[in-house]
Structure formats: C-alpha cells, structure tokens
N, C-alpha and C. Protein backbone atom coordinates (compact mmCIF):
# COMPACT_ATOMS: atom_id res chain seq x y z
N MET A 1 124.76 122.44 97.52
CA MET A 1 125.04 121.54 96.40
C MET A 1 123.96 120.39 96.08
N GLU A 2 123.96 120.04 94.67
CA GLU A 2 122.89 119.55 94.12
C GLU A 2 123.40 118.19 93.64
N LEU A 3 122.73 117.32 93.18
CA LEU A 3 123.43 116.02 92.85
C LEU A 3 123.86 116.15 91.56
N LYS A 4 123.46 117.03 90.54
CA LYS A 4 124.23 117.16 89.33
C LYS A 4 125.62 117.86 89.76
N ASP A 5 125.92 118.64 90.61
CA ASP A 5 127.12 118.88 90.92
C ASP A 5 128.12 117.97 91.31
N VAL A 6 127.46 116.92 91.83
CA VAL A 6 128.36 115.74 92.20
C VAL A 6 129.05 114.87 91.17
N THR A 7 127.59 114.49 90.33
CA THR A 7 128.04 113.89 89.30
C THR A 7 128.50 114.45 88.09
N LYS A 8 128.63 115.66 87.85
CA LYS A 8 129.09 116.51 86.79
C LYS A 8 130.55 116.24 86.57
N ASN A 9 131.15 115.93 85.54
CA ASN A 9 132.67 115.56 84.90
C ASN A 9 132.94 114.27 85.85
N LEU A 10 132.01 113.24 85.78
CA LEU A 10 132.39 112.08 86.14
C LEU A 10 133.47 111.06 85.94
N ARG A 11 133.54 111.44 84.70
CA ARG A 11 134.84 110.84 84.13
C ARG A 11 136.37 111.32 84.49
N ASP A 12 136.13 112.99 84.67
CA ASP A 12 137.53 113.20 85.14
C ASP A 12 137.85 113.33 86.52
N GLN A 13 136.95 113.17 87.43
CA GLN A 13 136.79 112.90 88.96
C GLN A 13 137.74 111.66 89.29
N THR A 14 138.60 111.89 90.31
CA THR A 14 138.96 110.35 91.32
C THR A 14 137.63 110.15 92.08
N ILE A 15 138.13 109.01 92.35
CA ILE A 15 136.62 108.08 93.26
C ILE A 15 136.89 109.00 94.81
N TYR A 16 137.81 109.30 95.15
CA TYR A 16 138.04 110.18 96.46
C TYR A 16 137.25 111.35 96.19
N ARG A 17 137.34 111.93 95.36
CA ARG A 17 136.56 113.79 94.99
C ARG A 17 135.27 113.04 94.99
N ILE A 18 134.74 112.30 94.29
CA ILE A 18 133.05 111.96 93.98
C ILE A 18 133.11 111.68 95.71
N GLU A 19 133.50 110.93 96.39
CA GLU A 19 133.15 110.57 97.55
C GLU A 19 133.01 111.82 98.51
N GLN A 20 134.16 112.71 98.57
CA GLN A 20 134.04 113.76 98.98
C GLN A 20 132.81 115.05 98.71
N ARG A 21 132.43 115.05 97.54
CA ARG A 21 131.43 115.97 96.97
C ARG A 21 130.32 115.29 97.51
N LEU A 22 130.20 114.13 97.38
CA LEU A 22 129.23 113.09 97.81
C LEU A 22 128.75 113.52 99.61
N LYS A 23 129.84 113.48 100.07
CA LYS A 23 129.61 113.69 101.52
C LYS A 23 129.47 115.46 102.04
N GLU A 24 129.98 116.10 101.04
CA GLU A 24 129.40 117.53 101.30
C GLU A 24 128.11 117.96 101.29
N MET A 25 127.49 117.29 99.76
CA MET A 25 126.35 117.29 99.68
C MET A 25 125.29 116.91 100.70
N MET A 26 125.77 115.64 101.32
CA MET A 26 124.81 115.35 102.32
C MET A 26 124.64 116.06 103.64
N ARG A 27 125.95 117.08 103.98
CA ARG A 27 126.04 117.93 105.16
C ARG A 27 125.25 119.00 104.80
N THR A 28 125.65 119.67 103.67
CA THR A 28 125.09 121.13 103.00
C THR A 28 123.53 121.15 102.69
N ASN A 29 123.08 120.00 101.83
CA ASN A 29 121.63 120.01 101.36
C ASN A 29 120.80 119.45 102.63
N PRO A 30 120.04 120.31 103.22
CA PRO A 30 118.72 119.54 103.94
C PRO A 30 118.40 118.50 103.53
N ARG A 31 117.71 118.41 102.11
CA ARG A 31 116.92 117.76 101.67
C ARG A 31 117.54 116.16 101.26
N TYR A 32 118.87 116.03 101.47
CA TYR A 32 119.35 114.49 101.45
C TYR A 32 119.91 114.17 103.07
N ARG A 33 119.62 114.85 104.13
CA ARG A 33 120.39 114.68 105.62
C ARG A 33 119.38 113.32 105.69
N ASN A 34 118.19 112.80 104.94
CA ASN A 34 117.43 111.79 105.48
C ASN A 34 118.37 110.58 104.97
N LEU A 35 119.17 110.19 104.31
CA LEU A 35 119.60 109.25 103.92
C LEU A 35 120.94 108.90 105.10
N ASP A 36 120.84 107.63 105.67
CA ASP A 36 121.71 106.80 106.30
C ASP A 36 122.78 106.47 105.57
N LYS A 37 123.59 105.78 106.65
CA LYS A 37 125.05 105.35 106.30
C LYS A 37 124.68 104.35 105.21
N GLU A 38 123.81 103.55 105.26
CA GLU A 38 123.48 102.49 104.48
C GLU A 38 123.00 102.72 103.00
N ASP A 39 122.11 103.77 102.95
CA ASP A 39 121.62 104.42 101.72
C ASP A 39 122.74 105.26 101.14
N GLN A 40 123.75 105.94 101.59
CA GLN A 40 124.72 106.72 101.16
C GLN A 40 125.96 105.62 100.52
N LYS A 41 125.73 104.33 100.88
CA LYS A 41 126.71 103.35 100.33
C LYS A 41 126.05 103.04 98.94
N ILE A 42 125.20 102.71 99.07
CA ILE A 42 124.07 102.28 97.88
C ILE A 42 124.28 103.41 96.76
N ILE A 43 124.40 104.81 97.03
CA ILE A 43 124.47 105.82 96.27
C ILE A 43 125.65 105.77 95.80
N PHE A 44 126.63 105.46 96.59
CA PHE A 44 128.13 105.81 96.29
C PHE A 44 128.66 104.77 95.28
N ASP A 45 127.82 103.28 95.49
CA ASP A 45 128.20 102.34 94.74
C ASP A 45 127.31 102.27 93.37
N LEU A 46 126.46 102.96 93.14
CA LEU A 46 125.96 103.47 92.03
C LEU A 46 126.67 104.38 91.09
N ILE A 47 127.43 105.61 91.93
CA ILE A 47 128.28 106.46 91.29
C ILE A 47 129.59 105.89 90.88
N ALA A 48 130.03 104.76 91.69
CA ALA A 48 131.26 104.40 90.94
C ALA A 48 131.08 103.37 90.04
N LYS A 49 129.72 102.77 89.85
CA LYS A 49 129.57 101.82 88.91
C LYS A 49 129.29 102.79 87.40
N GLU A 50 128.50 103.97 87.71
CA GLU A 50 128.39 104.55 86.67
C GLU A 50 129.79 105.34 86.15
N ARG A 51 130.60 105.60 87.17
CA ARG A 51 131.90 106.02 86.73
C ARG A 51 132.54 105.20 86.03
N LYS A 52 132.88 103.71 86.47
CA LYS A 52 133.37 102.99 85.66
C LYS A 52 132.96 102.75 84.18
N LYS A 53 131.63 103.05 84.05
CA LYS A 53 130.74 102.83 82.45
C LYS A 53 131.26 103.99 81.89
N ALA A 54 131.45 104.98 82.41
CA ALA A 54 131.89 106.53 81.81
C ALA A 54 133.41 106.42 81.44
N MET A 55 134.19 105.84 82.32
CA MET A 55 135.65 105.66 81.71
C MET A 55 135.94 104.97 80.45
N GLN A 56 134.75 104.08 80.14
CA GLN A 56 135.01 102.85 78.97
C GLN A 56 133.95 103.77 77.79
N GLY A 57 133.47 104.65 77.99
CA GLY A 57 132.71 105.44 77.04
C GLY A 57 131.40 105.08 76.94
N ILE A 58 130.86 104.50 77.82
CA ILE A 58 129.62 103.93 77.70
C ILE A 58 128.36 105.21 78.38
N HIS A 59 127.36 105.54 77.77
CA HIS A 59 126.66 106.55 78.08
C HIS A 59 125.19 105.83 78.79
N THR A 60 124.81 106.55 80.20
CA THR A 60 123.73 105.70 80.56
C THR A 60 122.51 106.59 79.99
N SER A 61 121.76 105.15 79.96
CA SER A 61 120.48 105.07 79.05
C SER A 61 119.44 105.13 80.00
N GLY A 62 118.27 105.44 79.40
CA GLY A 62 116.96 105.10 80.46
C GLY A 62 116.74 103.91 80.60
N LEU A 63 117.16 102.84 79.68
CA LEU A 63 116.75 101.48 80.06
C LEU A 63 117.68 101.11 81.15
N SER A 64 119.33 101.56 81.16
CA SER A 64 119.94 101.16 82.40
C SER A 64 119.47 101.53 83.95
N ILE A 65 118.91 102.92 83.71
CA ILE A 65 118.28 103.36 84.61
C ILE A 65 117.21 102.62 85.10
N ARG A 66 116.18 102.20 84.38
CA ARG A 66 114.95 101.35 84.98
C ARG A 66 115.55 100.17 85.21
N ASP A 67 116.43 99.47 84.75
CA ASP A 67 117.07 98.16 85.38
C ASP A 67 117.78 98.34 86.90
N GLU A 68 118.18 99.35 87.28
CA GLU A 68 118.81 99.50 88.38
C GLU A 68 117.68 99.78 89.15
N MET A 69 116.78 100.65 88.97
CA MET A 69 115.50 101.18 89.83
C MET A 69 114.70 99.80 90.07
N TYR A 70 114.68 99.02 89.27
CA TYR A 70 114.01 97.92 89.20
C TYR A 70 114.61 97.00 90.30
N HIS A 71 115.81 97.01 90.40
CA HIS A 71 116.55 96.19 91.27
C HIS A 71 116.59 96.67 92.54
N LEU A 72 116.90 97.89 92.89
CA LEU A 72 116.56 98.22 94.06
C LEU A 72 115.27 98.70 94.73
N TYR A 73 114.30 98.31 93.81
CA TYR A 73 112.77 98.36 94.34
C TYR A 73 112.46 97.05 94.91
N GLN A 74 113.08 96.04 93.94
CA GLN A 74 112.65 94.70 94.47
C GLN A 74 113.18 94.24 95.57
N ASN A 75 114.45 94.94 96.05
CA ASN A 75 115.48 94.67 97.16
C ASN A 75 114.64 95.72 98.19
N ARG A 76 114.20 96.57 98.37
CA ARG A 76 113.88 97.94 98.80
C ARG A 76 113.67 97.45 100.40
N ILE A 77 113.11 96.50 100.89
CA ILE A 77 112.77 95.63 102.27
C ILE A 77 114.09 95.46 102.95
N LYS A 78 115.07 94.56 101.94
CA LYS A 78 115.79 94.08 102.23
C LYS A 78 117.26 94.90 102.73
N LEU A 79 117.19 96.13 101.84
CA LEU A 79 118.06 97.13 101.82
C LEU A 79 117.60 98.27 102.79
N GLY A 80 116.58 98.37 103.08
CA GLY A 80 116.12 99.09 104.55
C GLY A 80 115.55 100.61 103.51
N LEU A 81 115.12 100.78 102.66
CA LEU A 81 114.94 101.64 101.45
C LEU A 81 113.52 102.21 101.69
N THR A 82 113.47 103.48 102.18
CA THR A 82 111.60 104.09 101.87
C THR A 82 111.51 104.55 100.25
N TYR A 83 110.52 104.95 100.18
CA TYR A 83 109.67 105.48 98.96
C TYR A 83 110.42 106.58 98.44
N GLY A 84 110.73 107.46 99.67
CA GLY A 84 111.69 108.80 99.53
C GLY A 84 112.87 108.53 99.17
N ASP A 85 113.81 107.35 99.57
CA ASP A 85 115.18 107.34 99.40
C ASP A 85 114.86 106.54 98.07
N LEU A 86 114.09 105.60 97.31
CA LEU A 86 113.97 105.52 96.02
C LEU A 86 114.22 106.95 95.42
N ASP A 87 113.29 107.61 95.49
CA ASP A 87 112.63 108.90 94.58
C ASP A 87 114.38 109.89 94.60
N GLN A 88 114.95 109.71 95.78
CA GLN A 88 115.83 110.33 95.60
C GLN A 88 117.51 109.89 94.92
N ILE A 89 116.97 108.40 94.72
CA ILE A 89 118.20 107.47 94.22
C ILE A 89 117.82 107.81 92.56
N LYS A 90 116.53 107.74 92.40
CA LYS A 90 116.15 108.08 90.73
C LYS A 90 116.54 109.25 90.42
N GLU A 91 116.71 110.10 91.70
CA GLU A 91 116.81 111.31 90.78
C GLU A 91 118.76 111.46 90.41
N LEU A 92 119.29 110.65 91.63
CA LEU A 92 120.87 110.58 91.23
C LEU A 92 121.17 109.76 89.52
N LEU A 93 120.17 108.90 89.54
CA LEU A 93 120.46 107.98 88.12
C LEU A 93 119.84 109.08 87.32
N GLU A 94 119.04 109.82 87.06
CA GLU A 94 118.55 110.75 86.18
C GLU A 94 119.76 111.67 85.82
N SER A 95 120.48 112.30 87.10
CA SER A 95 121.36 113.15 86.82
C SER A 95 122.86 112.36 85.82
N PHE A 96 122.48 111.31 86.01
CA PHE A 96 123.99 111.00 85.17
C PHE A 96 123.77 111.27 83.32
N LYS A 97 122.16 111.20 83.21
CA LYS A 97 121.66 111.29 81.35
C LYS A 97 122.27 112.85 81.25
N ASP A 98 123.03 112.76 80.19
CA ASP A 98 123.19 114.31 79.53
C ASP A 98 122.64 114.59 78.15
C-alpha cells in the first residue's frame, strides 16, 4: 500500500477509514516503518486538514504544499522530524494534488 492509496477518494472516506488505511500502510510498507507515533500524528493531522479542505471543494495547490513544508521545516527540531521524515511528508502532501 502506498500514500496514493491512503489519500485516494479523500472526500468520500470517513476519518476513521483514513486512519485505518494509514495504519495499514505503516504496517505493511517497510518504507514508512521508521515513522514514530508523533510523526504519524503529524501525518494524520495533515490528512484531516486536507480532507476538510476537500469537503469544502478546495483543491490542494503547490503553494499550500510549500507553506506546509515551510512550517514543518521551521519546526523540525521541536517536532523531532528528520530530513527523511520531511521527505516522506512532502510525498504525502504531493499525493493530494490531482
């Protein structure tokens, strides 16, 4: 399972189902096993934020992705994010663009 599978049909999924798919991806895909609980919470919060936008009919733009990444990069030490984590989060944010 990949990030695109988790974020597919974001508007039509419930928060519970998105959380299930995210946890399944974390378990089955060895590429994402390095993400700890805090990183998973950050990712889930980003997904919930994008889902809320999608429900209002707002599409994800490159500018919003850059804004989120800038915020995460500025707070990476406080949040305990590594550069690898930031790359994976950027990939997640890019998967919202269609």
